[in-house]
Amino acid sequence: MSPNVLAMLFRTHSDSWFWIIIFFVLSLLFLKTGKTTLHKISQGLFRLISLIMIVSGIGQLIGLNFPVTYVIKGVLAIVMIGVAEMVIAKAKRGKRTGPFLAVFVILLALVLLLAYRVISI
């Protein structure tokens, strides 16, 4: 894979992380304030950006020949997206989201620490 394609995938992947967090928070805020249309839009954008992040991450894994640290990071990131979906689903039903939010934050921290090579395996 050419360095330009890898650089493009990296930029897309790193930018998508920012947008995932923004749309997750917006989705929760709009849900809590009763703005259902804005909630649906922000949740849809969250899912779209999640898909873009997963595809660009897989592209990077292929280009880098599947380093173990990044494979683990990818698995944790997919679990983190699932937990974010559970937080939104529980909030829609009016149930407690605290424990799932805590798991989300822990997973987010682990993924970022692996991404910036603070933790390596």
N, C-alpha and C. Protein backbone atom coordinates (compact mmCIF):
# COMPACT_ATOMS: atom_id res chain seq x y z
N MET A 1 0.85 -1.17 0.00
CA MET A 1 0.00 0.00 0.00
C MET A 1 0.89 1.24 0.00
N SER A 2 0.54 2.20 -0.81
CA SER A 2 1.39 3.39 -0.94
C SER A 2 1.30 4.26 0.32
N PRO A 3 2.36 5.02 0.58
CA PRO A 3 2.35 5.90 1.75
C PRO A 3 1.24 6.95 1.70
N ASN A 4 0.87 7.39 0.49
CA ASN A 4 -0.21 8.39 0.37
C ASN A 4 -1.56 7.81 0.80
N VAL A 5 -1.83 6.57 0.41
CA VAL A 5 -3.08 5.93 0.80
C VAL A 5 -3.10 5.70 2.31
N LEU A 6 -1.97 5.27 2.85
CA LEU A 6 -1.88 5.05 4.29
C LEU A 6 -2.09 6.36 5.06
N ALA A 7 -1.51 7.45 4.55
CA ALA A 7 -1.67 8.76 5.18
C ALA A 7 -3.14 9.21 5.12
N MET A 8 -3.80 8.95 3.99
CA MET A 8 -5.20 9.32 3.85
C MET A 8 -6.06 8.52 4.83
N LEU A 9 -5.78 7.22 4.94
CA LEU A 9 -6.53 6.38 5.88
C LEU A 9 -6.31 6.84 7.32
N PHE A 10 -5.05 7.19 7.64
CA PHE A 10 -4.74 7.66 8.99
C PHE A 10 -5.50 8.93 9.31
N ARG A 11 -5.50 9.87 8.38
CA ARG A 11 -6.18 11.15 8.61
C ARG A 11 -7.69 10.94 8.77
N THR A 12 -8.26 10.12 7.91
CA THR A 12 -9.69 9.83 7.99
C THR A 12 -10.02 9.16 9.32
N HIS A 13 -9.18 8.21 9.71
CA HIS A 13 -9.42 7.46 10.94
C HIS A 13 -9.29 8.37 12.17
N SER A 14 -8.26 9.16 12.22
CA SER A 14 -8.06 10.01 13.40
C SER A 14 -9.13 11.10 13.49
N ASP A 15 -9.53 11.65 12.36
CA ASP A 15 -10.60 12.66 12.39
C ASP A 15 -11.94 12.05 12.80
N SER A 16 -12.18 10.82 12.39
CA SER A 16 -13.46 10.19 12.72
C SER A 16 -13.60 9.98 14.23
N TRP A 17 -12.49 9.78 14.93
CA TRP A 17 -12.56 9.64 16.38
C TRP A 17 -13.13 10.89 17.03
N PHE A 18 -12.69 12.04 16.57
CA PHE A 18 -13.21 13.31 17.10
C PHE A 18 -14.72 13.40 16.88
N TRP A 19 -15.16 13.10 15.66
CA TRP A 19 -16.57 13.23 15.32
C TRP A 19 -17.43 12.20 16.02
N ILE A 20 -16.90 11.01 16.27
CA ILE A 20 -17.67 10.00 17.00
C ILE A 20 -18.01 10.50 18.39
N ILE A 21 -17.03 11.05 19.06
CA ILE A 21 -17.26 11.56 20.43
C ILE A 21 -18.28 12.71 20.39
N ILE A 22 -18.12 13.63 19.45
CA ILE A 22 -19.04 14.77 19.34
C ILE A 22 -20.48 14.29 19.12
N PHE A 23 -20.68 13.39 18.14
CA PHE A 23 -22.04 12.95 17.83
C PHE A 23 -22.63 12.06 18.93
N PHE A 24 -21.80 11.34 19.64
CA PHE A 24 -22.29 10.55 20.78
C PHE A 24 -22.82 11.49 21.88
N VAL A 25 -22.04 12.49 22.22
CA VAL A 25 -22.45 13.44 23.26
C VAL A 25 -23.69 14.22 22.81
N LEU A 26 -23.71 14.67 21.55
CA LEU A 26 -24.88 15.40 21.05
C LEU A 26 -26.12 14.52 21.07
N SER A 27 -25.98 13.28 20.68
CA SER A 27 -27.11 12.37 20.68
C SER A 27 -27.69 12.22 22.08
N LEU A 28 -26.83 12.06 23.07
CA LEU A 28 -27.31 11.96 24.45
C LEU A 28 -27.97 13.26 24.92
N LEU A 29 -27.34 14.38 24.60
CA LEU A 29 -27.91 15.67 25.02
C LEU A 29 -29.27 15.92 24.39
N PHE A 30 -29.38 15.65 23.10
CA PHE A 30 -30.67 15.86 22.42
C PHE A 30 -31.73 14.90 22.96
N LEU A 31 -31.33 13.70 23.31
CA LEU A 31 -32.28 12.74 23.88
C LEU A 31 -32.77 13.22 25.24
N LYS A 32 -31.84 13.71 26.07
CA LYS A 32 -32.20 14.17 27.41
C LYS A 32 -33.10 15.41 27.37
N THR A 33 -32.90 16.27 26.35
CA THR A 33 -33.69 17.50 26.27
C THR A 33 -34.97 17.32 25.46
N GLY A 34 -35.22 16.12 24.94
CA GLY A 34 -36.46 15.84 24.24
C GLY A 34 -36.50 16.28 22.79
N LYS A 35 -35.37 16.58 22.22
CA LYS A 35 -35.32 17.00 20.81
C LYS A 35 -35.10 15.75 19.95
N THR A 36 -36.20 15.05 19.67
CA THR A 36 -36.10 13.73 19.04
C THR A 36 -35.56 13.79 17.62
N THR A 37 -35.93 14.79 16.85
CA THR A 37 -35.43 14.88 15.47
C THR A 37 -33.93 15.07 15.46
N LEU A 38 -33.44 15.98 16.29
CA LEU A 38 -32.00 16.21 16.36
C LEU A 38 -31.27 14.99 16.91
N HIS A 39 -31.91 14.29 17.84
CA HIS A 39 -31.33 13.05 18.38
C HIS A 39 -31.17 12.02 17.28
N LYS A 40 -32.20 11.83 16.47
CA LYS A 40 -32.13 10.84 15.40
C LYS A 40 -31.05 11.20 14.38
N ILE A 41 -30.94 12.48 14.06
CA ILE A 41 -29.90 12.92 13.11
C ILE A 41 -28.52 12.68 13.69
N SER A 42 -28.30 13.09 14.94
CA SER A 42 -26.97 12.92 15.54
C SER A 42 -26.64 11.45 15.75
N GLN A 43 -27.62 10.62 16.08
CA GLN A 43 -27.35 9.19 16.22
C GLN A 43 -27.04 8.56 14.87
N GLY A 44 -27.74 8.99 13.83
CA GLY A 44 -27.43 8.50 12.49
C GLY A 44 -26.03 8.89 12.04
N LEU A 45 -25.64 10.12 12.34
CA LEU A 45 -24.28 10.57 12.01
C LEU A 45 -23.24 9.81 12.83
N PHE A 46 -23.56 9.53 14.09
CA PHE A 46 -22.67 8.72 14.93
C PHE A 46 -22.43 7.36 14.28
N ARG A 47 -23.49 6.74 13.80
CA ARG A 47 -23.36 5.42 13.18
C ARG A 47 -22.60 5.49 11.87
N LEU A 48 -22.84 6.53 11.07
CA LEU A 48 -22.12 6.69 9.80
C LEU A 48 -20.63 6.89 10.04
N ILE A 49 -20.28 7.76 10.96
CA ILE A 49 -18.87 8.01 11.26
C ILE A 49 -18.23 6.77 11.88
N SER A 50 -18.98 6.01 12.67
CA SER A 50 -18.46 4.75 13.22
C SER A 50 -18.09 3.80 12.10
N LEU A 51 -18.94 3.71 11.10
CA LEU A 51 -18.67 2.84 9.97
C LEU A 51 -17.43 3.30 9.21
N ILE A 52 -17.31 4.61 9.00
CA ILE A 52 -16.13 5.16 8.33
C ILE A 52 -14.87 4.85 9.14
N MET A 53 -14.97 4.99 10.47
CA MET A 53 -13.82 4.72 11.32
C MET A 53 -13.40 3.25 11.24
N ILE A 54 -14.37 2.35 11.24
CA ILE A 54 -14.06 0.92 11.17
C ILE A 54 -13.41 0.57 9.84
N VAL A 55 -13.95 1.09 8.75
CA VAL A 55 -13.40 0.80 7.42
C VAL A 55 -11.98 1.36 7.29
N SER A 56 -11.77 2.59 7.73
CA SER A 56 -10.42 3.17 7.63
C SER A 56 -9.45 2.46 8.56
N GLY A 57 -9.91 2.00 9.70
CA GLY A 57 -9.06 1.24 10.62
C GLY A 57 -8.65 -0.10 10.02
N ILE A 58 -9.60 -0.78 9.38
CA ILE A 58 -9.27 -2.05 8.73
C ILE A 58 -8.29 -1.81 7.59
N GLY A 59 -8.48 -0.74 6.85
CA GLY A 59 -7.53 -0.40 5.78
C GLY A 59 -6.13 -0.17 6.32
N GLN A 60 -6.03 0.51 7.44
CA GLN A 60 -4.72 0.72 8.05
C GLN A 60 -4.11 -0.60 8.52
N LEU A 61 -4.94 -1.45 9.13
CA LEU A 61 -4.42 -2.75 9.58
C LEU A 61 -3.86 -3.55 8.41
N ILE A 62 -4.55 -3.54 7.29
CA ILE A 62 -4.06 -4.24 6.11
C ILE A 62 -2.75 -3.63 5.63
N GLY A 63 -2.70 -2.30 5.58
CA GLY A 63 -1.49 -1.62 5.11
C GLY A 63 -0.29 -1.80 6.03
N LEU A 64 -0.54 -1.99 7.31
CA LEU A 64 0.55 -2.14 8.29
C LEU A 64 0.83 -3.60 8.64
N ASN A 65 0.17 -4.53 7.95
CA ASN A 65 0.35 -5.97 8.16
C ASN A 65 -0.07 -6.44 9.56
N PHE A 66 -1.16 -5.92 10.05
CA PHE A 66 -1.82 -6.38 11.27
C PHE A 66 -0.92 -6.42 12.51
N PRO A 67 -0.38 -5.27 12.95
CA PRO A 67 0.35 -5.28 14.23
C PRO A 67 -0.61 -5.60 15.38
N VAL A 68 -0.15 -6.43 16.30
CA VAL A 68 -1.00 -6.95 17.38
C VAL A 68 -1.61 -5.82 18.21
N THR A 69 -0.84 -4.82 18.54
CA THR A 69 -1.35 -3.71 19.36
C THR A 69 -2.55 -3.05 18.69
N TYR A 70 -2.45 -2.84 17.39
CA TYR A 70 -3.55 -2.17 16.69
C TYR A 70 -4.74 -3.09 16.45
N VAL A 71 -4.51 -4.38 16.36
CA VAL A 71 -5.63 -5.32 16.27
C VAL A 71 -6.43 -5.28 17.57
N ILE A 72 -5.72 -5.28 18.69
CA ILE A 72 -6.39 -5.19 20.01
C ILE A 72 -7.11 -3.86 20.14
N LYS A 73 -6.49 -2.80 19.68
CA LYS A 73 -7.13 -1.48 19.69
C LYS A 73 -8.41 -1.49 18.87
N GLY A 74 -8.38 -2.15 17.73
CA GLY A 74 -9.56 -2.23 16.88
C GLY A 74 -10.70 -2.98 17.54
N VAL A 75 -10.37 -4.09 18.19
CA VAL A 75 -11.40 -4.87 18.89
C VAL A 75 -12.00 -4.04 20.02
N LEU A 76 -11.15 -3.36 20.79
CA LEU A 76 -11.65 -2.52 21.89
C LEU A 76 -12.50 -1.36 21.35
N ALA A 77 -12.12 -0.81 20.20
CA ALA A 77 -12.89 0.29 19.62
C ALA A 77 -14.28 -0.18 19.19
N ILE A 78 -14.36 -1.38 18.62
CA ILE A 78 -15.66 -1.90 18.20
C ILE A 78 -16.53 -2.18 19.43
N VAL A 79 -15.93 -2.69 20.49
CA VAL A 79 -16.67 -2.90 21.74
C VAL A 79 -17.13 -1.55 22.30
N MET A 80 -16.28 -0.54 22.22
CA MET A 80 -16.63 0.79 22.70
C MET A 80 -17.83 1.36 21.94
N ILE A 81 -17.87 1.15 20.63
CA ILE A 81 -19.01 1.62 19.84
C ILE A 81 -20.28 0.89 20.28
N GLY A 82 -20.17 -0.41 20.55
CA GLY A 82 -21.31 -1.17 21.05
C GLY A 82 -21.81 -0.66 22.39
N VAL A 83 -20.88 -0.34 23.26
CA VAL A 83 -21.26 0.20 24.58
C VAL A 83 -21.93 1.56 24.42
N ALA A 84 -21.43 2.38 23.49
CA ALA A 84 -22.06 3.68 23.23
C ALA A 84 -23.50 3.50 22.75
N GLU A 85 -23.72 2.52 21.90
CA GLU A 85 -25.08 2.23 21.44
C GLU A 85 -25.97 1.78 22.60
N MET A 86 -25.39 0.99 23.52
CA MET A 86 -26.16 0.55 24.69
C MET A 86 -26.51 1.72 25.60
N VAL A 87 -25.59 2.67 25.74
CA VAL A 87 -25.87 3.86 26.56
C VAL A 87 -27.06 4.62 25.97
N ILE A 88 -27.04 4.80 24.66
CA ILE A 88 -28.13 5.53 24.01
C ILE A 88 -29.45 4.76 24.15
N ALA A 89 -29.40 3.45 23.97
CA ALA A 89 -30.62 2.63 24.08
C ALA A 89 -31.18 2.69 25.50
N LYS A 90 -30.31 2.60 26.51
CA LYS A 90 -30.78 2.67 27.89
C LYS A 90 -31.34 4.05 28.21
N ALA A 91 -30.71 5.09 27.69
CA ALA A 91 -31.20 6.45 27.92
C ALA A 91 -32.58 6.63 27.29
N LYS A 92 -32.80 6.04 26.13
CA LYS A 92 -34.11 6.13 25.47
C LYS A 92 -35.20 5.50 26.33
N ARG A 93 -34.86 4.42 27.03
CA ARG A 93 -35.84 3.72 27.87
C ARG A 93 -35.93 4.32 29.27
N GLY A 94 -35.11 5.34 29.54
CA GLY A 94 -35.15 5.98 30.84
C GLY A 94 -34.46 5.21 31.94
N LYS A 95 -33.58 4.29 31.57
CA LYS A 95 -32.86 3.49 32.57
C LYS A 95 -31.52 4.13 32.89
N ARG A 96 -30.90 3.62 33.96
CA ARG A 96 -29.60 4.13 34.41
C ARG A 96 -28.52 3.87 33.37
N THR A 97 -27.75 4.89 33.06
CA THR A 97 -26.67 4.75 32.07
C THR A 97 -25.29 4.87 32.71
N GLY A 98 -25.22 5.20 33.98
CA GLY A 98 -23.95 5.45 34.66
C GLY A 98 -22.91 4.36 34.49
N PRO A 99 -23.24 3.09 34.79
CA PRO A 99 -22.23 2.04 34.64
C PRO A 99 -21.73 1.88 33.20
N PHE A 100 -22.65 2.00 32.24
CA PHE A 100 -22.23 1.87 30.85
C PHE A 100 -21.40 3.07 30.39
N LEU A 101 -21.73 4.26 30.90
CA LEU A 101 -20.90 5.43 30.59
C LEU A 101 -19.50 5.26 31.15
N ALA A 102 -19.39 4.67 32.34
CA ALA A 102 -18.08 4.43 32.94
C ALA A 102 -17.28 3.45 32.08
N VAL A 103 -17.93 2.39 31.61
CA VAL A 103 -17.25 1.42 30.73
C VAL A 103 -16.83 2.10 29.43
N PHE A 104 -17.70 2.96 28.89
CA PHE A 104 -17.37 3.70 27.67
C PHE A 104 -16.12 4.55 27.86
N VAL A 105 -16.05 5.27 28.96
CA VAL A 105 -14.90 6.14 29.22
C VAL A 105 -13.62 5.32 29.39
N ILE A 106 -13.72 4.20 30.09
CA ILE A 106 -12.54 3.33 30.28
C ILE A 106 -12.07 2.79 28.94
N LEU A 107 -13.00 2.31 28.12
CA LEU A 107 -12.62 1.79 26.80
C LEU A 107 -12.02 2.88 25.92
N LEU A 108 -12.61 4.07 25.97
CA LEU A 108 -12.08 5.19 25.19
C LEU A 108 -10.65 5.50 25.63
N ALA A 109 -10.41 5.52 26.93
CA ALA A 109 -9.06 5.79 27.44
C ALA A 109 -8.08 4.71 26.98
N LEU A 110 -8.48 3.46 27.07
CA LEU A 110 -7.61 2.36 26.63
C LEU A 110 -7.28 2.46 25.14
N VAL A 111 -8.29 2.74 24.35
CA VAL A 111 -8.09 2.85 22.90
C VAL A 111 -7.13 3.99 22.58
N LEU A 112 -7.32 5.13 23.23
CA LEU A 112 -6.43 6.27 22.97
C LEU A 112 -5.01 5.99 23.47
N LEU A 113 -4.88 5.33 24.61
CA LEU A 113 -3.54 5.00 25.11
C LEU A 113 -2.84 4.02 24.17
N LEU A 114 -3.57 3.08 23.60
CA LEU A 114 -2.97 2.16 22.63
C LEU A 114 -2.63 2.89 21.32
N ALA A 115 -3.50 3.80 20.90
CA ALA A 115 -3.28 4.52 19.65
C ALA A 115 -2.03 5.39 19.71
N TYR A 116 -1.82 6.04 20.84
CA TYR A 116 -0.66 6.93 20.97
C TYR A 116 0.56 6.22 21.57
N ARG A 117 0.49 4.90 21.62
CA ARG A 117 1.59 4.04 22.07
C ARG A 117 2.06 4.33 23.49
N VAL A 118 1.15 4.82 24.32
CA VAL A 118 1.47 4.96 25.75
C VAL A 118 1.49 3.57 26.36
N ILE A 119 0.57 2.72 25.90
CA ILE A 119 0.52 1.30 26.27
C ILE A 119 0.84 0.53 25.00
N SER A 120 1.72 -0.44 25.10
CA SER A 120 1.99 -1.29 23.95
C SER A 120 2.00 -2.74 24.38
N ILE A 121 1.62 -3.58 23.47
CA ILE A 121 1.53 -5.00 23.78
C ILE A 121 2.49 -5.78 22.91
